[in-house]
Amino acid sequence: MRKHRTKAANEVANNRKARHDYNILDTYEAGISLTGTEIKSVRASKINIRDGFVQARNGELWLENVNISIYDQGNQFNHDPLRNRKLLLHRKEIKKIGSTIQEKGITVVPLKVYLKHGFAKVLIGIAEGKKQYDKRETIKRRDQEREIQRAIKNAY
């Protein structure tokens, strides 16, 4: 499983709900094809990736249902906030992800958007949906870990 770490200062958007709703099997770092006003809005953190997902079409991966708000100073050159955006990956990675999407119960979701060397990158995760009892189990485990940490802190 490949993990890509970035500095929190460069993070523009984070999809915390994805980790709650899905088991993340693998992650990839992808570039996003953006227009001029879109990158300015992304740099201003005016992006919502919560409902986003990735779809494979014609040998390309597309980021869909991600809202990048219109740029305030963009006037007539502004973009459509909900347009589909092409993801930039190596051909082998695109084929691998595209074949994985075909499996039942597997989806690809954006986990976070960040800036790297001035370019917008998205961390996408191959995920399978959690059942309701899995979500409850995760919450219970997290609460137990908090209680243990509290007890250790109070003991000292």
N, C-alpha and C. Protein backbone atom coordinates (compact mmCIF):
# COMPACT_ATOMS: atom_id res chain seq x y z
N MET A 1 0.85 -1.17 0.00
CA MET A 1 0.00 0.00 0.00
C MET A 1 0.89 1.23 0.00
N ARG A 2 0.67 2.11 -0.95
CA ARG A 2 1.49 3.30 -1.09
C ARG A 2 0.88 4.44 -0.31
N LYS A 3 1.70 5.10 0.48
CA LYS A 3 1.24 6.25 1.25
C LYS A 3 2.04 7.47 0.80
N HIS A 4 1.34 8.57 0.59
CA HIS A 4 2.00 9.81 0.23
C HIS A 4 1.73 10.80 1.35
N ARG A 5 2.79 11.31 1.91
CA ARG A 5 2.66 12.27 3.01
C ARG A 5 2.91 13.68 2.50
N THR A 6 2.12 14.62 2.98
CA THR A 6 2.32 16.02 2.63
C THR A 6 2.29 16.84 3.90
N LYS A 7 2.81 18.03 3.83
CA LYS A 7 2.76 18.92 4.97
C LYS A 7 1.34 19.44 5.14
N ALA A 8 0.92 19.58 6.39
CA ALA A 8 -0.44 20.06 6.67
C ALA A 8 -0.63 21.49 6.20
N ALA A 9 0.45 22.27 6.12
CA ALA A 9 0.34 23.66 5.71
C ALA A 9 -0.10 23.77 4.25
N ASN A 10 0.26 22.80 3.42
CA ASN A 10 -0.09 22.84 2.01
C ASN A 10 -1.45 22.21 1.72
N GLU A 11 -2.07 21.61 2.74
CA GLU A 11 -3.35 20.94 2.55
C GLU A 11 -4.45 21.97 2.33
N VAL A 12 -5.22 21.78 1.28
CA VAL A 12 -6.29 22.71 0.91
C VAL A 12 -7.64 22.18 1.35
N ALA A 13 -7.88 20.88 1.15
CA ALA A 13 -9.15 20.26 1.51
C ALA A 13 -8.90 18.83 1.98
N ASN A 14 -9.71 18.39 2.94
CA ASN A 14 -9.57 17.06 3.49
C ASN A 14 -10.94 16.40 3.56
N ASN A 15 -11.04 15.15 3.14
CA ASN A 15 -12.30 14.42 3.14
C ASN A 15 -12.29 13.43 4.30
N ARG A 16 -12.60 13.93 5.50
CA ARG A 16 -12.58 13.07 6.68
C ARG A 16 -13.71 12.06 6.65
N LYS A 17 -14.80 12.40 6.00
CA LYS A 17 -15.95 11.50 5.93
C LYS A 17 -15.64 10.24 5.13
N ALA A 18 -14.73 10.34 4.16
CA ALA A 18 -14.38 9.18 3.34
C ALA A 18 -13.76 8.08 4.19
N ARG A 19 -12.91 8.45 5.13
CA ARG A 19 -12.28 7.44 5.98
C ARG A 19 -13.28 6.82 6.94
N HIS A 20 -14.36 7.54 7.24
CA HIS A 20 -15.42 6.99 8.10
C HIS A 20 -16.32 6.04 7.32
N ASP A 21 -16.63 6.37 6.08
CA ASP A 21 -17.57 5.59 5.29
C ASP A 21 -16.94 4.44 4.51
N TYR A 22 -15.62 4.48 4.31
CA TYR A 22 -14.96 3.49 3.46
C TYR A 22 -13.72 2.92 4.14
N ASN A 23 -13.37 1.68 3.76
CA ASN A 23 -12.07 1.10 4.08
C ASN A 23 -11.16 1.44 2.91
N ILE A 24 -10.10 2.18 3.17
CA ILE A 24 -9.18 2.60 2.11
C ILE A 24 -8.18 1.47 1.88
N LEU A 25 -8.17 0.93 0.66
CA LEU A 25 -7.30 -0.19 0.32
C LEU A 25 -5.95 0.25 -0.22
N ASP A 26 -5.94 1.33 -1.01
CA ASP A 26 -4.72 1.81 -1.64
C ASP A 26 -4.88 3.29 -1.96
N THR A 27 -3.78 4.02 -2.02
CA THR A 27 -3.84 5.45 -2.33
C THR A 27 -2.90 5.79 -3.46
N TYR A 28 -3.26 6.83 -4.22
CA TYR A 28 -2.44 7.33 -5.32
C TYR A 28 -2.46 8.85 -5.29
N GLU A 29 -1.35 9.43 -5.71
CA GLU A 29 -1.27 10.88 -5.85
C GLU A 29 -1.48 11.21 -7.33
N ALA A 30 -2.42 12.11 -7.60
CA ALA A 30 -2.72 12.46 -8.99
C ALA A 30 -2.74 13.97 -9.13
N GLY A 31 -2.34 14.44 -10.30
CA GLY A 31 -2.48 15.85 -10.62
C GLY A 31 -3.89 16.11 -11.12
N ILE A 32 -4.32 17.37 -11.09
CA ILE A 32 -5.64 17.73 -11.58
C ILE A 32 -5.47 18.75 -12.69
N SER A 33 -6.20 18.57 -13.79
CA SER A 33 -6.18 19.53 -14.88
C SER A 33 -7.17 20.64 -14.56
N LEU A 34 -6.66 21.85 -14.26
CA LEU A 34 -7.48 22.98 -13.84
C LEU A 34 -7.30 24.17 -14.76
N THR A 35 -8.31 25.04 -14.80
CA THR A 35 -8.19 26.30 -15.54
C THR A 35 -7.61 27.36 -14.61
N GLY A 36 -7.37 28.56 -15.13
CA GLY A 36 -6.75 29.63 -14.36
C GLY A 36 -7.53 30.06 -13.14
N THR A 37 -8.84 30.25 -13.29
CA THR A 37 -9.63 30.70 -12.14
C THR A 37 -9.84 29.56 -11.14
N GLU A 38 -9.80 28.31 -11.62
CA GLU A 38 -9.96 27.18 -10.69
C GLU A 38 -8.77 27.06 -9.75
N ILE A 39 -7.55 27.19 -10.26
CA ILE A 39 -6.38 27.06 -9.41
C ILE A 39 -6.33 28.20 -8.39
N LYS A 40 -6.81 29.38 -8.77
CA LYS A 40 -6.85 30.49 -7.82
C LYS A 40 -7.84 30.22 -6.71
N SER A 41 -8.97 29.61 -7.03
CA SER A 41 -9.95 29.24 -6.00
C SER A 41 -9.41 28.12 -5.11
N VAL A 42 -8.69 27.18 -5.69
CA VAL A 42 -8.11 26.09 -4.90
C VAL A 42 -7.08 26.65 -3.93
N ARG A 43 -6.26 27.58 -4.39
CA ARG A 43 -5.26 28.18 -3.50
C ARG A 43 -5.91 28.95 -2.37
N ALA A 44 -7.13 29.44 -2.59
CA ALA A 44 -7.88 30.15 -1.55
C ALA A 44 -8.72 29.18 -0.71
N SER A 45 -8.53 27.87 -0.88
CA SER A 45 -9.24 26.82 -0.15
C SER A 45 -10.75 26.84 -0.35
N LYS A 46 -11.18 27.21 -1.54
CA LYS A 46 -12.62 27.23 -1.84
C LYS A 46 -12.98 26.01 -2.66
N ILE A 47 -12.79 24.84 -2.04
CA ILE A 47 -13.04 23.57 -2.71
C ILE A 47 -13.72 22.63 -1.73
N ASN A 48 -14.69 21.86 -2.24
CA ASN A 48 -15.41 20.88 -1.43
C ASN A 48 -15.32 19.52 -2.12
N ILE A 49 -14.63 18.56 -1.49
CA ILE A 49 -14.44 17.24 -2.09
C ILE A 49 -15.27 16.16 -1.41
N ARG A 50 -16.13 16.53 -0.50
CA ARG A 50 -16.86 15.55 0.31
C ARG A 50 -17.68 14.58 -0.55
N ASP A 51 -18.38 15.07 -1.56
CA ASP A 51 -19.24 14.20 -2.37
C ASP A 51 -18.57 13.70 -3.63
N GLY A 52 -17.27 13.94 -3.78
CA GLY A 52 -16.57 13.61 -5.00
C GLY A 52 -16.29 12.13 -5.17
N PHE A 53 -16.08 11.72 -6.41
CA PHE A 53 -15.70 10.36 -6.74
C PHE A 53 -14.95 10.38 -8.07
N VAL A 54 -14.30 9.27 -8.39
CA VAL A 54 -13.51 9.15 -9.61
C VAL A 54 -14.17 8.12 -10.52
N GLN A 55 -14.23 8.44 -11.82
CA GLN A 55 -14.82 7.54 -12.80
C GLN A 55 -13.85 7.37 -13.97
N ALA A 56 -13.81 6.17 -14.52
CA ALA A 56 -12.94 5.88 -15.67
C ALA A 56 -13.77 5.93 -16.94
N ARG A 57 -13.28 6.73 -17.93
CA ARG A 57 -13.94 6.82 -19.23
C ARG A 57 -12.88 6.96 -20.32
N ASN A 58 -12.95 6.12 -21.33
CA ASN A 58 -12.06 6.20 -22.50
C ASN A 58 -10.58 6.20 -22.12
N GLY A 59 -10.20 5.38 -21.16
CA GLY A 59 -8.80 5.29 -20.76
C GLY A 59 -8.31 6.49 -19.98
N GLU A 60 -9.21 7.27 -19.42
CA GLU A 60 -8.85 8.43 -18.61
C GLU A 60 -9.64 8.37 -17.30
N LEU A 61 -9.09 8.99 -16.27
CA LEU A 61 -9.79 9.09 -14.99
C LEU A 61 -10.31 10.51 -14.82
N TRP A 62 -11.55 10.63 -14.37
CA TRP A 62 -12.20 11.93 -14.21
C TRP A 62 -12.67 12.10 -12.78
N LEU A 63 -12.38 13.25 -12.21
CA LEU A 63 -12.84 13.61 -10.87
C LEU A 63 -14.19 14.29 -11.02
N GLU A 64 -15.22 13.70 -10.43
CA GLU A 64 -16.58 14.20 -10.62
C GLU A 64 -17.20 14.63 -9.30
N ASN A 65 -18.16 15.53 -9.40
CA ASN A 65 -18.96 16.00 -8.28
C ASN A 65 -18.12 16.71 -7.22
N VAL A 66 -17.03 17.35 -7.62
CA VAL A 66 -16.21 18.16 -6.72
C VAL A 66 -16.51 19.62 -7.03
N ASN A 67 -16.82 20.37 -5.99
CA ASN A 67 -17.22 21.77 -6.16
C ASN A 67 -16.03 22.68 -5.89
N ILE A 68 -15.56 23.37 -6.92
CA ILE A 68 -14.55 24.43 -6.77
C ILE A 68 -15.31 25.73 -7.00
N SER A 69 -15.46 26.52 -5.95
CA SER A 69 -16.26 27.75 -6.03
C SER A 69 -15.70 28.70 -7.08
N ILE A 70 -16.59 29.53 -7.61
CA ILE A 70 -16.14 30.49 -8.62
C ILE A 70 -15.21 31.51 -7.97
N TYR A 71 -14.25 31.99 -8.75
CA TYR A 71 -13.26 32.95 -8.28
C TYR A 71 -13.90 34.33 -8.26
N ASP A 72 -13.78 35.04 -7.13
CA ASP A 72 -14.45 36.33 -6.95
C ASP A 72 -14.05 37.37 -8.00
N GLN A 73 -12.78 37.42 -8.36
CA GLN A 73 -12.32 38.41 -9.33
C GLN A 73 -12.25 37.84 -10.76
N GLY A 74 -12.96 36.75 -11.02
CA GLY A 74 -12.85 36.07 -12.30
C GLY A 74 -13.69 36.64 -13.41
N ASN A 75 -14.67 37.47 -13.14
CA ASN A 75 -15.65 38.04 -14.07
C ASN A 75 -16.09 37.05 -15.15
N GLN A 76 -15.99 37.39 -16.43
CA GLN A 76 -16.51 36.55 -17.51
C GLN A 76 -15.70 35.29 -17.75
N PHE A 77 -14.49 35.20 -17.21
CA PHE A 77 -13.62 34.05 -17.45
C PHE A 77 -13.78 32.97 -16.40
N ASN A 78 -14.80 33.08 -15.54
CA ASN A 78 -15.00 32.09 -14.49
C ASN A 78 -15.38 30.73 -15.06
N HIS A 79 -15.23 29.72 -14.24
CA HIS A 79 -15.45 28.33 -14.63
C HIS A 79 -16.78 27.83 -14.05
N ASP A 80 -17.22 26.68 -14.54
CA ASP A 80 -18.39 26.00 -13.98
C ASP A 80 -17.94 25.29 -12.70
N PRO A 81 -18.55 25.57 -11.55
CA PRO A 81 -18.06 25.00 -10.29
C PRO A 81 -18.10 23.48 -10.21
N LEU A 82 -19.04 22.83 -10.89
CA LEU A 82 -19.19 21.38 -10.77
C LEU A 82 -18.71 20.60 -11.99
N ARG A 83 -17.90 21.21 -12.85
CA ARG A 83 -17.47 20.50 -14.05
C ARG A 83 -16.56 19.33 -13.68
N ASN A 84 -16.52 18.34 -14.57
CA ASN A 84 -15.65 17.18 -14.37
C ASN A 84 -14.22 17.55 -14.72
N ARG A 85 -13.27 17.10 -13.89
CA ARG A 85 -11.87 17.46 -14.09
C ARG A 85 -11.04 16.21 -14.33
N LYS A 86 -10.15 16.29 -15.29
CA LYS A 86 -9.31 15.15 -15.66
C LYS A 86 -8.20 14.97 -14.63
N LEU A 87 -7.95 13.72 -14.25
CA LEU A 87 -6.85 13.41 -13.34
C LEU A 87 -5.63 13.00 -14.15
N LEU A 88 -4.47 13.42 -13.71
CA LEU A 88 -3.22 13.18 -14.42
C LEU A 88 -2.41 12.12 -13.67
N LEU A 89 -2.31 10.95 -14.27
CA LEU A 89 -1.57 9.83 -13.70
C LEU A 89 -0.80 9.13 -14.81
N HIS A 90 0.10 8.23 -14.43
CA HIS A 90 0.79 7.41 -15.42
C HIS A 90 -0.19 6.40 -16.01
N ARG A 91 0.06 6.01 -17.24
CA ARG A 91 -0.86 5.12 -17.96
C ARG A 91 -1.07 3.79 -17.22
N LYS A 92 0.01 3.24 -16.65
CA LYS A 92 -0.12 1.97 -15.91
C LYS A 92 -1.04 2.14 -14.71
N GLU A 93 -0.90 3.26 -14.01
CA GLU A 93 -1.75 3.50 -12.85
C GLU A 93 -3.20 3.67 -13.27
N ILE A 94 -3.44 4.35 -14.38
CA ILE A 94 -4.81 4.54 -14.87
C ILE A 94 -5.44 3.19 -15.21
N LYS A 95 -4.70 2.32 -15.88
CA LYS A 95 -5.22 1.00 -16.22
C LYS A 95 -5.53 0.18 -14.97
N LYS A 96 -4.63 0.24 -14.00
CA LYS A 96 -4.82 -0.52 -12.76
C LYS A 96 -6.05 -0.02 -12.01
N ILE A 97 -6.18 1.29 -11.87
CA ILE A 97 -7.32 1.85 -11.16
C ILE A 97 -8.61 1.59 -11.94
N GLY A 98 -8.56 1.74 -13.26
CA GLY A 98 -9.74 1.49 -14.10
C GLY A 98 -10.25 0.06 -13.98
N SER A 99 -9.34 -0.91 -13.93
CA SER A 99 -9.77 -2.30 -13.78
C SER A 99 -10.29 -2.57 -12.38
N THR A 100 -9.75 -1.89 -11.39
CA THR A 100 -10.20 -2.06 -10.01
C THR A 100 -11.62 -1.50 -9.83
N ILE A 101 -11.92 -0.39 -10.50
CA ILE A 101 -13.24 0.23 -10.39
C ILE A 101 -14.33 -0.73 -10.88
N GLN A 102 -14.00 -1.62 -11.85
CA GLN A 102 -14.99 -2.54 -12.40
C GLN A 102 -15.48 -3.56 -11.39
N GLU A 103 -14.70 -3.82 -10.33
CA GLU A 103 -15.09 -4.79 -9.32
C GLU A 103 -16.29 -4.27 -8.54
N LYS A 104 -17.13 -5.20 -8.09
CA LYS A 104 -18.33 -4.81 -7.36
C LYS A 104 -17.95 -4.36 -5.95
N GLY A 105 -18.54 -3.26 -5.52
CA GLY A 105 -18.31 -2.75 -4.18
C GLY A 105 -17.06 -1.90 -4.03
N ILE A 106 -16.34 -1.65 -5.11
CA ILE A 106 -15.11 -0.85 -5.06
C ILE A 106 -15.39 0.50 -5.71
N THR A 107 -14.92 1.56 -5.05
CA THR A 107 -15.04 2.91 -5.60
C THR A 107 -13.74 3.65 -5.36
N VAL A 108 -13.57 4.76 -6.04
CA VAL A 108 -12.38 5.58 -5.86
C VAL A 108 -12.85 6.96 -5.41
N VAL A 109 -12.34 7.41 -4.26
CA VAL A 109 -12.78 8.69 -3.68
C VAL A 109 -11.57 9.59 -3.45
N PRO A 110 -11.76 10.91 -3.56
CA PRO A 110 -10.67 11.83 -3.20
C PRO A 110 -10.56 11.94 -1.69
N LEU A 111 -9.34 11.82 -1.17
CA LEU A 111 -9.12 11.90 0.27
C LEU A 111 -8.68 13.28 0.71
N LYS A 112 -7.80 13.90 -0.09
CA LYS A 112 -7.41 15.27 0.21
C LYS A 112 -6.83 15.95 -1.02
N VAL A 113 -6.88 17.26 -1.00
CA VAL A 113 -6.31 18.08 -2.06
C VAL A 113 -5.25 18.96 -1.41
N TYR A 114 -4.10 19.05 -2.03
CA TYR A 114 -3.01 19.85 -1.47
C TYR A 114 -2.19 20.44 -2.61
N LEU A 115 -1.34 21.40 -2.24
CA LEU A 115 -0.45 22.04 -3.21
C LEU A 115 0.95 21.48 -3.03
N LYS A 116 1.58 21.12 -4.15
CA LYS A 116 2.94 20.57 -4.12
C LYS A 116 3.72 21.26 -5.23
N HIS A 117 4.71 22.03 -4.86
CA HIS A 117 5.53 22.79 -5.81
C HIS A 117 4.66 23.68 -6.69
N GLY A 118 3.59 24.23 -6.14
CA GLY A 118 2.73 25.14 -6.87
C GLY A 118 1.64 24.48 -7.68
N PHE A 119 1.63 23.15 -7.73
CA PHE A 119 0.62 22.42 -8.49
C PHE A 119 -0.39 21.79 -7.53
N ALA A 120 -1.65 21.74 -7.96
CA ALA A 120 -2.69 21.10 -7.16
C ALA A 120 -2.62 19.59 -7.36
N LYS A 121 -2.57 18.86 -6.27
CA LYS A 121 -2.55 17.40 -6.31
C LYS A 121 -3.73 16.89 -5.49
N VAL A 122 -4.22 15.72 -5.87
CA VAL A 122 -5.30 15.09 -5.12
C VAL A 122 -4.84 13.68 -4.74
N LEU A 123 -5.07 13.33 -3.48
CA LEU A 123 -4.77 11.98 -3.01
C LEU A 123 -6.06 11.19 -3.14
N ILE A 124 -6.06 10.21 -4.05
CA ILE A 124 -7.26 9.41 -4.26
C ILE A 124 -7.07 8.05 -3.61
N GLY A 125 -8.14 7.50 -3.10
CA GLY A 125 -8.08 6.21 -2.43
C GLY A 125 -9.02 5.21 -3.06
N ILE A 126 -8.51 4.01 -3.29
CA ILE A 126 -9.36 2.91 -3.73
C ILE A 126 -10.01 2.36 -2.47
N ALA A 127 -11.34 2.34 -2.47
CA ALA A 127 -12.05 2.05 -1.23
C ALA A 127 -13.20 1.08 -1.45
N GLU A 128 -13.54 0.38 -0.37
CA GLU A 128 -14.76 -0.41 -0.37
C GLU A 128 -15.60 0.08 0.79
N GLY A 129 -16.90 0.10 0.59
CA GLY A 129 -17.82 0.65 1.58
C GLY A 129 -17.85 -0.15 2.86
N LYS A 130 -17.97 0.56 3.99
CA LYS A 130 -18.12 -0.09 5.28
C LYS A 130 -19.59 -0.36 5.54
N LYS A 131 -19.86 -1.41 6.25
CA LYS A 131 -21.21 -1.68 6.72
C LYS A 131 -21.46 -0.84 7.96
N GLN A 132 -22.73 -0.70 8.34
CA GLN A 132 -23.08 0.13 9.50
C GLN A 132 -22.42 -0.39 10.77
N TYR A 133 -22.35 -1.72 10.94
CA TYR A 133 -21.74 -2.25 12.16
C TYR A 133 -20.23 -2.00 12.17
N ASP A 134 -19.59 -1.94 10.98
CA ASP A 134 -18.17 -1.61 10.93
C ASP A 134 -17.93 -0.18 11.39
N LYS A 135 -18.83 0.74 11.00
CA LYS A 135 -18.70 2.14 11.41
C LYS A 135 -18.84 2.25 12.92
N ARG A 136 -19.80 1.53 13.50
CA ARG A 136 -19.99 1.56 14.95
C ARG A 136 -18.78 0.99 15.67
N GLU A 137 -18.20 -0.08 15.11
CA GLU A 137 -17.02 -0.69 15.70
C GLU A 137 -15.84 0.29 15.69
N THR A 138 -15.67 1.02 14.60
CA THR A 138 -14.59 2.00 14.49
C THR A 138 -14.76 3.10 15.54
N ILE A 139 -15.99 3.59 15.69
CA ILE A 139 -16.26 4.64 16.68
C ILE A 139 -15.98 4.12 18.09
N LYS A 140 -16.41 2.88 18.37
CA LYS A 140 -16.20 2.29 19.70
C LYS A 140 -14.71 2.14 19.99
N ARG A 141 -13.94 1.66 19.01
CA ARG A 141 -12.50 1.49 19.19
C ARG A 141 -11.81 2.83 19.43
N ARG A 142 -12.22 3.86 18.68
CA ARG A 142 -11.63 5.19 18.84
C ARG A 142 -11.93 5.75 20.23
N ASP A 143 -13.16 5.55 20.72
CA ASP A 143 -13.52 6.02 22.06
C ASP A 143 -12.72 5.29 23.14
N GLN A 144 -12.51 3.98 22.96
CA GLN A 144 -11.72 3.22 23.93
C GLN A 144 -10.28 3.71 23.96
N GLU A 145 -9.71 4.01 22.79
CA GLU A 145 -8.34 4.52 22.75
C GLU A 145 -8.23 5.87 23.44
N ARG A 146 -9.25 6.72 23.26
CA ARG A 146 -9.25 8.01 23.96
C ARG A 146 -9.29 7.83 25.46
N GLU A 147 -10.13 6.90 25.94
CA GLU A 147 -10.22 6.64 27.38
C GLU A 147 -8.88 6.15 27.93
N ILE A 148 -8.21 5.27 27.20
CA ILE A 148 -6.91 4.77 27.63
C ILE A 148 -5.90 5.91 27.71
N GLN A 149 -5.88 6.76 26.68
CA GLN A 149 -4.95 7.90 26.68
C GLN A 149 -5.24 8.84 27.85
N ARG A 150 -6.54 9.07 28.13
CA ARG A 150 -6.91 9.92 29.26
C ARG A 150 -6.44 9.32 30.58
N ALA A 151 -6.62 8.01 30.74
CA ALA A 151 -6.22 7.34 31.96
C ALA A 151 -4.70 7.41 32.15
N ILE A 152 -3.97 7.22 31.07
CA ILE A 152 -2.49 7.30 31.14
C ILE A 152 -2.06 8.72 31.51
N LYS A 153 -2.70 9.69 30.91
CA LYS A 153 -2.35 11.10 31.18
C LYS A 153 -2.64 11.45 32.63
N ASN A 154 -3.78 11.00 33.16
CA ASN A 154 -4.16 11.31 34.54
C ASN A 154 -3.32 10.55 35.55
N ALA A 155 -2.78 9.40 35.16
CA ALA A 155 -1.95 8.60 36.07
C ALA A 155 -0.62 9.31 36.35
N TYR A 156 -0.14 10.05 35.38
CA TYR A 156 1.13 10.76 35.57
C TYR A 156 0.83 12.12 36.08
